[in-house]
């Protein structure tokens, strides 16, 4: 499946909705299981690539790299490279990234409630 072209009607509609709806804008930044999970783990502090990979059991190196780059590009995380041999790289939430804490906590609360509701049926 190809990337949506910037000139498509679908792209224009998504952009207009995102511009008018801060909730949609935010969900585009952290939406999806990997970005949200990465942010959740980083709420506890700095982590190295290998530590994140170990926590996100089914993620591939490539997928983790892509999501880390995107989160860095969106200024949700920072990447610090230390001049050591071997090189050490750590990822950390930015100030705005740490502001996701209450959002992630509420998603956790809601998810727990929803799971209980579904399990009852």
PDB file of N, CA and C in Angstrom:
ATOM      1  N   UNK A   1       0.847  -1.172   0.000  1.00  0.00           N
ATOM      2  CA  UNK A   1       0.000   0.000   0.000  1.00  0.00           C
ATOM      3  C   UNK A   1       0.892   1.234   0.000  1.00  0.00           C
ATOM      4  N   UNK A   2       0.671   2.147  -0.904  1.00  0.00           N
ATOM      5  CA  UNK A   2       1.516   3.325  -1.059  1.00  0.00           C
ATOM      6  C   UNK A   2       1.163   4.440  -0.089  1.00  0.00           C
ATOM      7  N   UNK A   3       2.044   5.388  -0.017  1.00  0.00           N
ATOM      8  CA  UNK A   3       1.847   6.553   0.822  1.00  0.00           C
ATOM      9  C   UNK A   3       0.832   7.481   0.158  1.00  0.00           C
ATOM     10  N   UNK A   4       0.000   8.111   0.972  1.00  0.00           N
ATOM     11  CA  UNK A   4      -0.999   9.039   0.439  1.00  0.00           C
ATOM     12  C   UNK A   4      -0.284  10.275  -0.094  1.00  0.00           C
ATOM     13  N   UNK A   5      -0.597  10.645  -1.315  1.00  0.00           N
ATOM     14  CA  UNK A   5       0.027  11.813  -1.929  1.00  0.00           C
ATOM     15  C   UNK A   5      -0.519  13.084  -1.299  1.00  0.00           C
ATOM     16  N   UNK A   6       0.366  14.089  -1.176  1.00  0.00           N
ATOM     17  CA  UNK A   6      -0.005  15.365  -0.572  1.00  0.00           C
ATOM     18  C   UNK A   6      -1.114  16.073  -1.336  1.00  0.00           C
ATOM     19  N   UNK A   7      -1.344  15.701  -2.581  1.00  0.00           N
ATOM     20  CA  UNK A   7      -2.344  16.375  -3.395  1.00  0.00           C
ATOM     21  C   UNK A   7      -3.687  15.647  -3.398  1.00  0.00           C
ATOM     22  N   UNK A   8      -3.766  14.481  -2.773  1.00  0.00           N
ATOM     23  CA  UNK A   8      -5.010  13.720  -2.808  1.00  0.00           C
ATOM     24  C   UNK A   8      -6.091  14.368  -1.951  1.00  0.00           C
ATOM     25  N   UNK A   9      -7.337  14.095  -2.292  1.00  0.00           N
ATOM     26  CA  UNK A   9      -8.466  14.598  -1.517  1.00  0.00           C
ATOM     27  C   UNK A   9      -8.426  14.032  -0.109  1.00  0.00           C
ATOM     28  N   UNK A  10      -8.063  12.760   0.017  1.00  0.00           N
ATOM     29  CA  UNK A  10      -7.971  12.117   1.321  1.00  0.00           C
ATOM     30  C   UNK A  10      -6.956  12.848   2.202  1.00  0.00           C
ATOM     31  N   UNK A  11      -5.792  13.183   1.641  1.00  0.00           N
ATOM     32  CA  UNK A  11      -4.771  13.913   2.381  1.00  0.00           C
ATOM     33  C   UNK A  11      -5.295  15.279   2.818  1.00  0.00           C
ATOM     34  N   UNK A  12      -5.954  15.987   1.910  1.00  0.00           N
ATOM     35  CA  UNK A  12      -6.494  17.320   2.222  1.00  0.00           C
ATOM     36  C   UNK A  12      -7.536  17.231   3.339  1.00  0.00           C
ATOM     37  N   UNK A  13      -8.392  16.212   3.270  1.00  0.00           N
ATOM     38  CA  UNK A  13      -9.405  16.042   4.307  1.00  0.00           C
ATOM     39  C   UNK A  13      -8.770  15.739   5.658  1.00  0.00           C
ATOM     40  N   UNK A  14      -7.779  14.861   5.673  1.00  0.00           N
ATOM     41  CA  UNK A  14      -7.094  14.520   6.921  1.00  0.00           C
ATOM     42  C   UNK A  14      -6.389  15.737   7.506  1.00  0.00           C
ATOM     43  N   UNK A  15      -5.745  16.525   6.636  1.00  0.00           N
ATOM     44  CA  UNK A  15      -5.037  17.710   7.107  1.00  0.00           C
ATOM     45  C   UNK A  15      -6.008  18.728   7.680  1.00  0.00           C
ATOM     46  N   UNK A  16      -7.125  18.953   6.993  1.00  0.00           N
ATOM     47  CA  UNK A  16      -8.119  19.921   7.469  1.00  0.00           C
ATOM     48  C   UNK A  16      -8.683  19.483   8.819  1.00  0.00           C
ATOM     49  N   UNK A  17      -9.003  18.203   8.946  1.00  0.00           N
ATOM     50  CA  UNK A  17      -9.541  17.700  10.198  1.00  0.00           C
ATOM     51  C   UNK A  17      -8.505  17.793  11.310  1.00  0.00           C
ATOM     52  N   UNK A  18      -7.273  17.466  10.990  1.00  0.00           N
ATOM     53  CA  UNK A  18      -6.191  17.539  11.968  1.00  0.00           C
ATOM     54  C   UNK A  18      -5.944  18.974  12.409  1.00  0.00           C
ATOM     55  N   UNK A  19      -6.039  19.918  11.476  1.00  0.00           N
ATOM     56  CA  UNK A  19      -5.851  21.336  11.801  1.00  0.00           C
ATOM     57  C   UNK A  19      -6.951  21.846  12.724  1.00  0.00           C
ATOM     58  N   UNK A  20      -8.159  21.337  12.555  1.00  0.00           N
ATOM     59  CA  UNK A  20      -9.302  21.804  13.341  1.00  0.00           C
ATOM     60  C   UNK A  20      -9.510  21.010  14.622  1.00  0.00           C
ATOM     61  N   UNK A  21      -8.941  19.829  14.715  1.00  0.00           N
ATOM     62  CA  UNK A  21      -9.216  18.926  15.826  1.00  0.00           C
ATOM     63  C   UNK A  21      -7.912  18.563  16.536  1.00  0.00           C
ATOM     64  N   UNK A  22      -7.603  19.221  17.656  1.00  0.00           N
ATOM     65  CA  UNK A  22      -6.353  18.923  18.361  1.00  0.00           C
ATOM     66  C   UNK A  22      -6.251  17.472  18.825  1.00  0.00           C
ATOM     67  N   UNK A  23      -7.400  16.845  19.107  1.00  0.00           N
ATOM     68  CA  UNK A  23      -7.384  15.439  19.533  1.00  0.00           C
ATOM     69  C   UNK A  23      -6.867  14.544  18.415  1.00  0.00           C
ATOM     70  N   UNK A  24      -7.311  14.793  17.202  1.00  0.00           N
ATOM     71  CA  UNK A  24      -6.855  14.008  16.056  1.00  0.00           C
ATOM     72  C   UNK A  24      -5.376  14.278  15.784  1.00  0.00           C
ATOM     73  N   UNK A  25      -4.979  15.536  15.882  1.00  0.00           N
ATOM     74  CA  UNK A  25      -3.573  15.898  15.701  1.00  0.00           C
ATOM     75  C   UNK A  25      -2.701  15.126  16.692  1.00  0.00           C
ATOM     76  N   UNK A  26      -3.104  15.116  17.953  1.00  0.00           N
ATOM     77  CA  UNK A  26      -2.338  14.410  18.988  1.00  0.00           C
ATOM     78  C   UNK A  26      -2.326  12.909  18.735  1.00  0.00           C
ATOM     79  N   UNK A  27      -3.470  12.356  18.337  1.00  0.00           N
ATOM     80  CA  UNK A  27      -3.525  10.911  18.117  1.00  0.00           C
ATOM     81  C   UNK A  27      -2.668  10.499  16.922  1.00  0.00           C
ATOM     82  N   UNK A  28      -2.498  11.384  15.947  1.00  0.00           N
ATOM     83  CA  UNK A  28      -1.621  11.089  14.816  1.00  0.00           C
ATOM     84  C   UNK A  28      -0.162  11.031  15.267  1.00  0.00           C
ATOM     85  N   UNK A  29       0.196  11.848  16.261  1.00  0.00           N
ATOM     86  CA  UNK A  29       1.577  11.880  16.731  1.00  0.00           C
ATOM     87  C   UNK A  29       1.931  10.646  17.561  1.00  0.00           C
ATOM     88  N   UNK A  30       1.029  10.221  18.425  1.00  0.00           N
ATOM     89  CA  UNK A  30       1.342   9.102  19.320  1.00  0.00           C
ATOM     90  C   UNK A  30       0.491   7.876  19.054  1.00  0.00           C
ATOM     91  N   UNK A  31      -0.367   7.951  18.034  1.00  0.00           N
ATOM     92  CA  UNK A  31      -1.245   6.838  17.732  1.00  0.00           C
ATOM     93  C   UNK A  31      -0.475   5.608  17.290  1.00  0.00           C
ATOM     94  N   UNK A  32      -1.115   4.495  17.389  1.00  0.00           N
ATOM     95  CA  UNK A  32      -0.473   3.243  17.025  1.00  0.00           C
ATOM     96  C   UNK A  32       0.208   2.634  18.231  1.00  0.00           C
ATOM     97  N   UNK A  33       0.285   1.332  18.218  1.00  0.00           N
ATOM     98  CA  UNK A  33       0.782   0.649  19.401  1.00  0.00           C
ATOM     99  C   UNK A  33       2.239   0.941  19.725  1.00  0.00           C
ATOM    100  N   UNK A  34       3.094   1.090  18.730  1.00  0.00           N
ATOM    101  CA  UNK A  34       4.513   1.236  19.042  1.00  0.00           C
ATOM    102  C   UNK A  34       4.865   2.598  19.609  1.00  0.00           C
ATOM    103  N   UNK A  35       4.385   3.673  19.011  1.00  0.00           N
ATOM    104  CA  UNK A  35       4.728   5.011  19.514  1.00  0.00           C
ATOM    105  C   UNK A  35       4.214   5.212  20.933  1.00  0.00           C
ATOM    106  N   UNK A  36       3.004   4.798  21.174  1.00  0.00           N
ATOM    107  CA  UNK A  36       2.426   4.940  22.510  1.00  0.00           C
ATOM    108  C   UNK A  36       3.189   4.080  23.517  1.00  0.00           C
ATOM    109  N   UNK A  37       3.537   2.865  23.121  1.00  0.00           N
ATOM    110  CA  UNK A  37       4.286   1.978  24.016  1.00  0.00           C
ATOM    111  C   UNK A  37       5.671   2.541  24.315  1.00  0.00           C
ATOM    112  N   UNK A  38       6.346   3.077  23.303  1.00  0.00           N
ATOM    113  CA  UNK A  38       7.663   3.679  23.504  1.00  0.00           C
ATOM    114  C   UNK A  38       7.558   4.815  24.510  1.00  0.00           C
ATOM    115  N   UNK A  39       6.580   5.685  24.319  1.00  0.00           N
ATOM    116  CA  UNK A  39       6.385   6.807  25.241  1.00  0.00           C
ATOM    117  C   UNK A  39       6.074   6.307  26.651  1.00  0.00           C
ATOM    118  N   UNK A  40       5.284   5.263  26.753  1.00  0.00           N
ATOM    119  CA  UNK A  40       4.937   4.704  28.061  1.00  0.00           C
ATOM    120  C   UNK A  40       6.185   4.226  28.798  1.00  0.00           C
ATOM    121  N   UNK A  41       7.055   3.513  28.103  1.00  0.00           N
ATOM    122  CA  UNK A  41       8.287   3.026  28.735  1.00  0.00           C
ATOM    123  C   UNK A  41       9.221   4.175  29.096  1.00  0.00           C
ATOM    124  N   UNK A  42       9.273   5.197  28.251  1.00  0.00           N
ATOM    125  CA  UNK A  42      10.171   6.320  28.511  1.00  0.00           C
ATOM    126  C   UNK A  42       9.676   7.231  29.632  1.00  0.00           C
ATOM    127  N   UNK A  43       8.417   7.076  30.060  1.00  0.00           N
ATOM    128  CA  UNK A  43       7.926   7.849  31.200  1.00  0.00           C
ATOM    129  C   UNK A  43       8.745   7.554  32.456  1.00  0.00           C
ATOM    130  N   UNK A  44       9.366   6.373  32.502  1.00  0.00           N
ATOM    131  CA  UNK A  44      10.164   5.984  33.665  1.00  0.00           C
ATOM    132  C   UNK A  44      11.607   6.471  33.577  1.00  0.00           C
ATOM    133  N   UNK A  45      11.962   7.142  32.489  1.00  0.00           N
ATOM    134  CA  UNK A  45      13.312   7.687  32.343  1.00  0.00           C
ATOM    135  C   UNK A  45      13.988   7.222  31.066  1.00  0.00           C
ATOM    136  N   UNK A  46      15.251   7.626  30.931  1.00  0.00           N
ATOM    137  CA  UNK A  46      16.044   7.329  29.733  1.00  0.00           C
ATOM    138  C   UNK A  46      16.187   5.829  29.527  1.00  0.00           C
ATOM    139  N   UNK A  47      16.167   5.428  28.250  1.00  0.00           N
ATOM    140  CA  UNK A  47      16.402   4.032  27.897  1.00  0.00           C
ATOM    141  C   UNK A  47      17.264   3.967  26.645  1.00  0.00           C
ATOM    142  N   UNK A  48      18.042   2.911  26.557  1.00  0.00           N
ATOM    143  CA  UNK A  48      18.836   2.655  25.367  1.00  0.00           C
ATOM    144  C   UNK A  48      18.003   1.833  24.395  1.00  0.00           C
ATOM    145  N   UNK A  49      18.453   1.787  23.141  1.00  0.00           N
ATOM    146  CA  UNK A  49      17.741   1.069  22.095  1.00  0.00           C
ATOM    147  C   UNK A  49      17.464  -0.376  22.518  1.00  0.00           C
ATOM    148  N   UNK A  50      18.497  -1.064  23.002  1.00  0.00           N
ATOM    149  CA  UNK A  50      18.354  -2.464  23.400  1.00  0.00           C
ATOM    150  C   UNK A  50      17.353  -2.658  24.528  1.00  0.00           C
ATOM    151  N   UNK A  51      17.298  -1.702  25.443  1.00  0.00           N
ATOM    152  CA  UNK A  51      16.345  -1.789  26.553  1.00  0.00           C
ATOM    153  C   UNK A  51      14.911  -1.634  26.041  1.00  0.00           C
ATOM    154  N   UNK A  52      14.727  -0.703  25.109  1.00  0.00           N
ATOM    155  CA  UNK A  52      13.400  -0.540  24.507  1.00  0.00           C
ATOM    156  C   UNK A  52      13.015  -1.793  23.729  1.00  0.00           C
ATOM    157  N   UNK A  53      13.957  -2.309  22.960  1.00  0.00           N
ATOM    158  CA  UNK A  53      13.696  -3.514  22.154  1.00  0.00           C
ATOM    159  C   UNK A  53      13.296  -4.679  23.042  1.00  0.00           C
ATOM    160  N   UNK A  54      13.967  -4.834  24.165  1.00  0.00           N
ATOM    161  CA  UNK A  54      13.663  -5.918  25.097  1.00  0.00           C
ATOM    162  C   UNK A  54      12.255  -5.758  25.682  1.00  0.00           C
ATOM    163  N   UNK A  55      11.841  -4.529  25.925  1.00  0.00           N
ATOM    164  CA  UNK A  55      10.511  -4.253  26.482  1.00  0.00           C
ATOM    165  C   UNK A  55       9.410  -4.458  25.451  1.00  0.00           C
ATOM    166  N   UNK A  56       9.711  -4.143  24.198  1.00  0.00           N
ATOM    167  CA  UNK A  56       8.740  -4.261  23.102  1.00  0.00           C
ATOM    168  C   UNK A  56       9.023  -5.562  22.350  1.00  0.00           C
ATOM    169  N   UNK A  57       8.648  -6.659  22.936  1.00  0.00           N
ATOM    170  CA  UNK A  57       9.051  -7.996  22.509  1.00  0.00           C
ATOM    171  C   UNK A  57       8.912  -8.264  21.015  1.00  0.00           C
ATOM    172  N   UNK A  58       7.830  -7.889  20.391  1.00  0.00           N
ATOM    173  CA  UNK A  58       7.585  -8.264  18.991  1.00  0.00           C
ATOM    174  C   UNK A  58       7.992  -7.220  17.962  1.00  0.00           C
ATOM    175  N   UNK A  59       8.625  -6.149  18.386  1.00  0.00           N
ATOM    176  CA  UNK A  59       8.999  -5.102  17.424  1.00  0.00           C
ATOM    177  C   UNK A  59      10.325  -5.466  16.748  1.00  0.00           C
ATOM    178  N   UNK A  60      10.411  -5.149  15.467  1.00  0.00           N
ATOM    179  CA  UNK A  60      11.670  -5.379  14.743  1.00  0.00           C
ATOM    180  C   UNK A  60      12.590  -4.178  14.961  1.00  0.00           C
ATOM    181  N   UNK A  61      13.875  -4.379  14.724  1.00  0.00           N
ATOM    182  CA  UNK A  61      14.835  -3.273  14.844  1.00  0.00           C
ATOM    183  C   UNK A  61      14.437  -2.126  13.927  1.00  0.00           C
ATOM    184  N   UNK A  62      14.062  -2.464  12.704  1.00  0.00           N
ATOM    185  CA  UNK A  62      13.693  -1.441  11.722  1.00  0.00           C
ATOM    186  C   UNK A  62      12.474  -0.641  12.184  1.00  0.00           C
ATOM    187  N   UNK A  63      11.455  -1.336  12.688  1.00  0.00           N
ATOM    188  CA  UNK A  63      10.238  -0.652  13.135  1.00  0.00           C
ATOM    189  C   UNK A  63      10.540   0.251  14.332  1.00  0.00           C
ATOM    190  N   UNK A  64      11.341  -0.242  15.265  1.00  0.00           N
ATOM    191  CA  UNK A  64      11.706   0.574  16.428  1.00  0.00           C
ATOM    192  C   UNK A  64      12.480   1.811  15.988  1.00  0.00           C
ATOM    193  N   UNK A  65      13.421   1.620  15.070  1.00  0.00           N
ATOM    194  CA  UNK A  65      14.201   2.747  14.552  1.00  0.00           C
ATOM    195  C   UNK A  65      13.295   3.782  13.894  1.00  0.00           C
ATOM    196  N   UNK A  66      12.373   3.331  13.062  1.00  0.00           N
ATOM    197  CA  UNK A  66      11.454   4.253  12.374  1.00  0.00           C
ATOM    198  C   UNK A  66      10.609   5.041  13.365  1.00  0.00           C
ATOM    199  N   UNK A  67      10.095   4.370  14.381  1.00  0.00           N
ATOM    200  CA  UNK A  67       9.253   5.065  15.359  1.00  0.00           C
ATOM    201  C   UNK A  67      10.063   6.020  16.233  1.00  0.00           C
ATOM    202  N   UNK A  68      11.267   5.625  16.592  1.00  0.00           N
ATOM    203  CA  UNK A  68      12.121   6.528  17.374  1.00  0.00           C
ATOM    204  C   UNK A  68      12.461   7.776  16.561  1.00  0.00           C
ATOM    205  N   UNK A  69      12.767   7.600  15.290  1.00  0.00           N
ATOM    206  CA  UNK A  69      13.079   8.754  14.433  1.00  0.00           C
ATOM    207  C   UNK A  69      11.880   9.690  14.311  1.00  0.00           C
ATOM    208  N   UNK A  70      10.697   9.103  14.138  1.00  0.00           N
ATOM    209  CA  UNK A  70       9.482   9.913  13.996  1.00  0.00           C
ATOM    210  C   UNK A  70       9.184  10.670  15.287  1.00  0.00           C
ATOM    211  N   UNK A  71       9.291   9.983  16.423  1.00  0.00           N
ATOM    212  CA  UNK A  71       9.056  10.651  17.705  1.00  0.00           C
ATOM    213  C   UNK A  71      10.086  11.753  17.950  1.00  0.00           C
ATOM    214  N   UNK A  72      11.314  11.536  17.510  1.00  0.00           N
ATOM    215  CA  UNK A  72      12.347  12.566  17.638  1.00  0.00           C
ATOM    216  C   UNK A  72      12.033  13.741  16.710  1.00  0.00           C
ATOM    217  N   UNK A  73      11.641  13.445  15.494  1.00  0.00           N
ATOM    218  CA  UNK A  73      11.281  14.488  14.519  1.00  0.00           C
ATOM    219  C   UNK A  73      10.120  15.340  15.051  1.00  0.00           C
ATOM    220  N   UNK A  74       9.176  14.692  15.741  1.00  0.00           N
ATOM    221  CA  UNK A  74       8.023  15.402  16.299  1.00  0.00           C
ATOM    222  C   UNK A  74       8.313  16.037  17.657  1.00  0.00           C
ATOM    223  N   UNK A  75       9.578  15.941  18.099  1.00  0.00           N
ATOM    224  CA  UNK A  75      10.056  16.555  19.340  1.00  0.00           C
ATOM    225  C   UNK A  75       9.382  15.988  20.594  1.00  0.00           C
ATOM    226  N   UNK A  76       9.016  14.722  20.522  1.00  0.00           N
ATOM    227  CA  UNK A  76       8.421  14.043  21.672  1.00  0.00           C
ATOM    228  C   UNK A  76       9.521  13.352  22.481  1.00  0.00           C
ATOM    229  N   UNK A  77      10.576  12.923  21.799  1.00  0.00           N
ATOM    230  CA  UNK A  77      11.731  12.335  22.469  1.00  0.00           C
ATOM    231  C   UNK A  77      13.003  13.011  21.984  1.00  0.00           C
ATOM    232  N   UNK A  78      14.072  12.839  22.773  1.00  0.00           N
ATOM    233  CA  UNK A  78      15.399  13.273  22.339  1.00  0.00           C
ATOM    234  C   UNK A  78      16.301  12.054  22.277  1.00  0.00           C
ATOM    235  N   UNK A  79      17.274  12.139  21.432  1.00  0.00           N
ATOM    236  CA  UNK A  79      18.267  11.074  21.248  1.00  0.00           C
ATOM    237  C   UNK A  79      19.615  11.676  21.594  1.00  0.00           C
ATOM    238  N   UNK A  80      20.291  11.065  22.570  1.00  0.00           N
ATOM    239  CA  UNK A  80      21.600  11.550  22.981  1.00  0.00           C
ATOM    240  C   UNK A  80      22.643  10.487  22.676  1.00  0.00           C
ATOM    241  N   UNK A  81      23.665  10.881  21.910  1.00  0.00           N
ATOM    242  CA  UNK A  81      24.764   9.979  21.559  1.00  0.00           C
ATOM    243  C   UNK A  81      25.976  10.392  22.388  1.00  0.00           C
ATOM    244  N   UNK A  82      26.531   9.438  23.114  1.00  0.00           N
ATOM    245  CA  UNK A  82      27.704   9.693  23.942  1.00  0.00           C
ATOM    246  C   UNK A  82      28.959   9.253  23.199  1.00  0.00           C
ATOM    247  N   UNK A  83      30.004  10.069  23.288  1.00  0.00           N
ATOM    248  CA  UNK A  83      31.272   9.790  22.602  1.00  0.00           C
ATOM    249  C   UNK A  83      32.054   8.747  23.388  1.00  0.00           C
ATOM    250  N   UNK A  84      31.602   7.514  23.279  1.00  0.00           N
ATOM    251  CA  UNK A  84      32.250   6.396  23.955  1.00  0.00           C
ATOM    252  C   UNK A  84      32.482   5.287  22.949  1.00  0.00           C
ATOM    253  N   UNK A  85      33.319   4.338  23.327  1.00  0.00           N
ATOM    254  CA  UNK A  85      33.519   3.163  22.494  1.00  0.00           C
ATOM    255  C   UNK A  85      33.156   1.952  23.344  1.00  0.00           C
ATOM    256  N   UNK A  86      32.163   1.179  22.944  1.00  0.00           N
ATOM    257  CA  UNK A  86      31.236   1.412  21.830  1.00  0.00           C
ATOM    258  C   UNK A  86      30.311   2.593  22.129  1.00  0.00           C
ATOM    259  N   UNK A  87      29.742   3.198  21.067  1.00  0.00           N
ATOM    260  CA  UNK A  87      28.872   4.357  21.268  1.00  0.00           C
ATOM    261  C   UNK A  87      27.649   3.985  22.110  1.00  0.00           C
ATOM    262  N   UNK A  88      27.256   4.913  22.939  1.00  0.00           N
ATOM    263  CA  UNK A  88      26.062   4.724  23.772  1.00  0.00           C
ATOM    264  C   UNK A  88      25.039   5.758  23.327  1.00  0.00           C
ATOM    265  N   UNK A  89      23.818   5.293  23.066  1.00  0.00           N
ATOM    266  CA  UNK A  89      22.733   6.166  22.634  1.00  0.00           C
ATOM    267  C   UNK A  89      21.572   5.980  23.598  1.00  0.00           C
ATOM    268  N   UNK A  90      21.040   7.088  24.111  1.00  0.00           N
ATOM    269  CA  UNK A  90      19.898   7.025  25.017  1.00  0.00           C
ATOM    270  C   UNK A  90      18.752   7.862  24.471  1.00  0.00           C
ATOM    271  N   UNK A  91      17.564   7.392  24.751  1.00  0.00           N
ATOM    272  CA  UNK A  91      16.345   8.082  24.334  1.00  0.00           C
ATOM    273  C   UNK A  91      15.607   8.526  25.579  1.00  0.00           C
ATOM    274  N   UNK A  92      15.035   9.740  25.502  1.00  0.00           N
ATOM    275  CA  UNK A  92      14.329  10.302  26.651  1.00  0.00           C
ATOM    276  C   UNK A  92      13.191  11.175  26.145  1.00  0.00           C
ATOM    277  N   UNK A  93      12.126  11.227  26.914  1.00  0.00           N
ATOM    278  CA  UNK A  93      11.030  12.123  26.565  1.00  0.00           C
ATOM    279  C   UNK A  93      11.475  13.570  26.730  1.00  0.00           C
ATOM    280  N   UNK A  94      10.991  14.428  25.873  1.00  0.00           N
ATOM    281  CA  UNK A  94      11.222  15.873  26.014  1.00  0.00           C
ATOM    282  C   UNK A  94      10.234  16.404  27.051  1.00  0.00           C
ATOM    283  N   UNK A  95      10.310  17.676  27.328  1.00  0.00           N
ATOM    284  CA  UNK A  95       9.376  18.291  28.278  1.00  0.00           C
ATOM    285  C   UNK A  95       7.933  18.074  27.819  1.00  0.00           C
ATOM    286  N   UNK A  96       7.666  18.285  26.538  1.00  0.00           N
ATOM    287  CA  UNK A  96       6.309  18.079  26.016  1.00  0.00           C
ATOM    288  C   UNK A  96       5.966  16.589  26.014  1.00  0.00           C
ATOM    289  N   UNK A  97       6.956  15.737  25.823  1.00  0.00           N
ATOM    290  CA  UNK A  97       6.729  14.299  25.873  1.00  0.00           C
ATOM    291  C   UNK A  97       6.291  13.841  27.255  1.00  0.00           C
ATOM    292  N   UNK A  98       6.912  14.397  28.294  1.00  0.00           N
ATOM    293  CA  UNK A  98       6.536  14.037  29.665  1.00  0.00           C
ATOM    294  C   UNK A  98       5.119  14.491  30.010  1.00  0.00           C
ATOM    295  N   UNK A  99       4.624  15.471  29.284  1.00  0.00           N
ATOM    296  CA  UNK A  99       3.248  15.925  29.516  1.00  0.00           C
ATOM    297  C   UNK A  99       2.213  14.893  29.061  1.00  0.00           C
ATOM    298  N   UNK A 100       2.672  13.838  28.402  1.00  0.00           N
ATOM    299  CA  UNK A 100       1.778  12.734  28.015  1.00  0.00           C
ATOM    300  C   UNK A 100       1.408  11.842  29.205  1.00  0.00           C
ATOM    301  N   UNK A 101       2.105  11.992  30.331  1.00  0.00           N
ATOM    302  CA  UNK A 101       1.869  11.123  31.491  1.00  0.00           C
ATOM    303  C   UNK A 101       0.390  10.991  31.853  1.00  0.00           C
ATOM    304  N   UNK A 102      -0.345  12.096  32.067  1.00  0.00           N
ATOM    305  CA  UNK A 102      -1.761  11.926  32.440  1.00  0.00           C
ATOM    306  C   UNK A 102      -2.601  11.306  31.323  1.00  0.00           C
ATOM    307  N   UNK A 103      -2.248  11.584  30.081  1.00  0.00           N
ATOM    308  CA  UNK A 103      -2.978  11.008  28.944  1.00  0.00           C
ATOM    309  C   UNK A 103      -2.781   9.498  28.920  1.00  0.00           C
ATOM    310  N   UNK A 104      -1.531   9.069  29.072  1.00  0.00           N
ATOM    311  CA  UNK A 104      -1.222   7.640  29.058  1.00  0.00           C
ATOM    312  C   UNK A 104      -1.865   6.953  30.256  1.00  0.00           C
ATOM    313  N   UNK A 105      -1.856   7.608  31.406  1.00  0.00           N
ATOM    314  CA  UNK A 105      -2.487   7.028  32.594  1.00  0.00           C
ATOM    315  C   UNK A 105      -3.991   6.861  32.381  1.00  0.00           C
ATOM    316  N   UNK A 106      -4.626   7.855  31.778  1.00  0.00           N
ATOM    317  CA  UNK A 106      -6.073   7.747  31.520  1.00  0.00           C
ATOM    318  C   UNK A 106      -6.377   6.672  30.486  1.00  0.00           C
ATOM    319  N   UNK A 107      -5.514   6.527  29.475  1.00  0.00           N
ATOM    320  CA  UNK A 107      -5.691   5.445  28.507  1.00  0.00           C
ATOM    321  C   UNK A 107      -5.561   4.089  29.200  1.00  0.00           C
ATOM    322  N   UNK A 108      -4.625   3.996  30.134  1.00  0.00           N
ATOM    323  CA  UNK A 108      -4.458   2.774  30.917  1.00  0.00           C
ATOM    324  C   UNK A 108      -5.721   2.480  31.725  1.00  0.00           C
ATOM    325  N   UNK A 109      -6.238   3.490  32.406  1.00  0.00           N
ATOM    326  CA  UNK A 109      -7.459   3.326  33.202  1.00  0.00           C
ATOM    327  C   UNK A 109      -8.631   2.902  32.322  1.00  0.00           C
ATOM    328  N   UNK A 110      -8.803   3.588  31.209  1.00  0.00           N
ATOM    329  CA  UNK A 110      -9.914   3.288  30.303  1.00  0.00           C
ATOM    330  C   UNK A 110      -9.769   1.881  29.727  1.00  0.00           C
ATOM    331  N   UNK A 111      -8.551   1.529  29.309  1.00  0.00           N
ATOM    332  CA  UNK A 111      -8.310   0.203  28.750  1.00  0.00           C
ATOM    333  C   UNK A 111      -8.608  -0.904  29.755  1.00  0.00           C
ATOM    334  N   UNK A 112      -8.234  -0.691  31.001  1.00  0.00           N
ATOM    335  CA  UNK A 112      -8.512  -1.670  32.059  1.00  0.00           C
ATOM    336  C   UNK A 112     -10.015  -1.836  32.255  1.00  0.00           C
ATOM    337  N   UNK A 113     -10.737  -0.717  32.308  1.00  0.00           N
ATOM    338  CA  UNK A 113     -12.199  -0.777  32.454  1.00  0.00           C
ATOM    339  C   UNK A 113     -12.848  -1.478  31.269  1.00  0.00           C
ATOM    340  N   UNK A 114     -12.389  -1.135  30.073  1.00  0.00           N
ATOM    341  CA  UNK A 114     -12.979  -1.718  28.866  1.00  0.00           C
ATOM    342  C   UNK A 114     -12.732  -3.224  28.810  1.00  0.00           C
ATOM    343  N   UNK A 115     -11.519  -3.649  29.155  1.00  0.00           N
ATOM    344  CA  UNK A 115     -11.202  -5.083  29.175  1.00  0.00           C
ATOM    345  C   UNK A 115     -12.136  -5.827  30.119  1.00  0.00           C
ATOM    346  N   UNK A 116     -12.369  -5.253  31.309  1.00  0.00           N
ATOM    347  CA  UNK A 116     -13.267  -5.882  32.290  1.00  0.00           C
ATOM    348  C   UNK A 116     -14.684  -5.987  31.739  1.00  0.00           C
ATOM    349  N   UNK A 117     -15.133  -4.935  31.056  1.00  0.00           N
ATOM    350  CA  UNK A 117     -16.459  -4.916  30.475  1.00  0.00           C
ATOM    351  C   UNK A 117     -16.612  -6.015  29.423  1.00  0.00           C
ATOM    352  N   UNK A 118     -15.598  -6.150  28.569  1.00  0.00           N
ATOM    353  CA  UNK A 118     -15.629  -7.152  27.496  1.00  0.00           C
ATOM    354  C   UNK A 118     -15.549  -8.571  28.066  1.00  0.00           C
ATOM    355  N   UNK A 119     -14.730  -8.747  29.101  1.00  0.00           N
ATOM    356  CA  UNK A 119     -14.561 -10.076  29.702  1.00  0.00           C
ATOM    357  C   UNK A 119     -15.846 -10.569  30.361  1.00  0.00           C
ATOM    358  N   UNK A 120     -16.697  -9.648  30.803  1.00  0.00           N
ATOM    359  CA  UNK A 120     -17.951 -10.010  31.462  1.00  0.00           C
ATOM    360  C   UNK A 120     -18.913 -10.626  30.459  1.00  0.00           C
ATOM    361  N   UNK A 121     -18.899 -10.142  29.235  1.00  0.00           N
ATOM    362  CA  UNK A 121     -19.835 -10.632  28.211  1.00  0.00           C
ATOM    363  C   UNK A 121     -19.586 -12.044  27.820  1.00  0.00           C
TER     364      UNK A 121
END
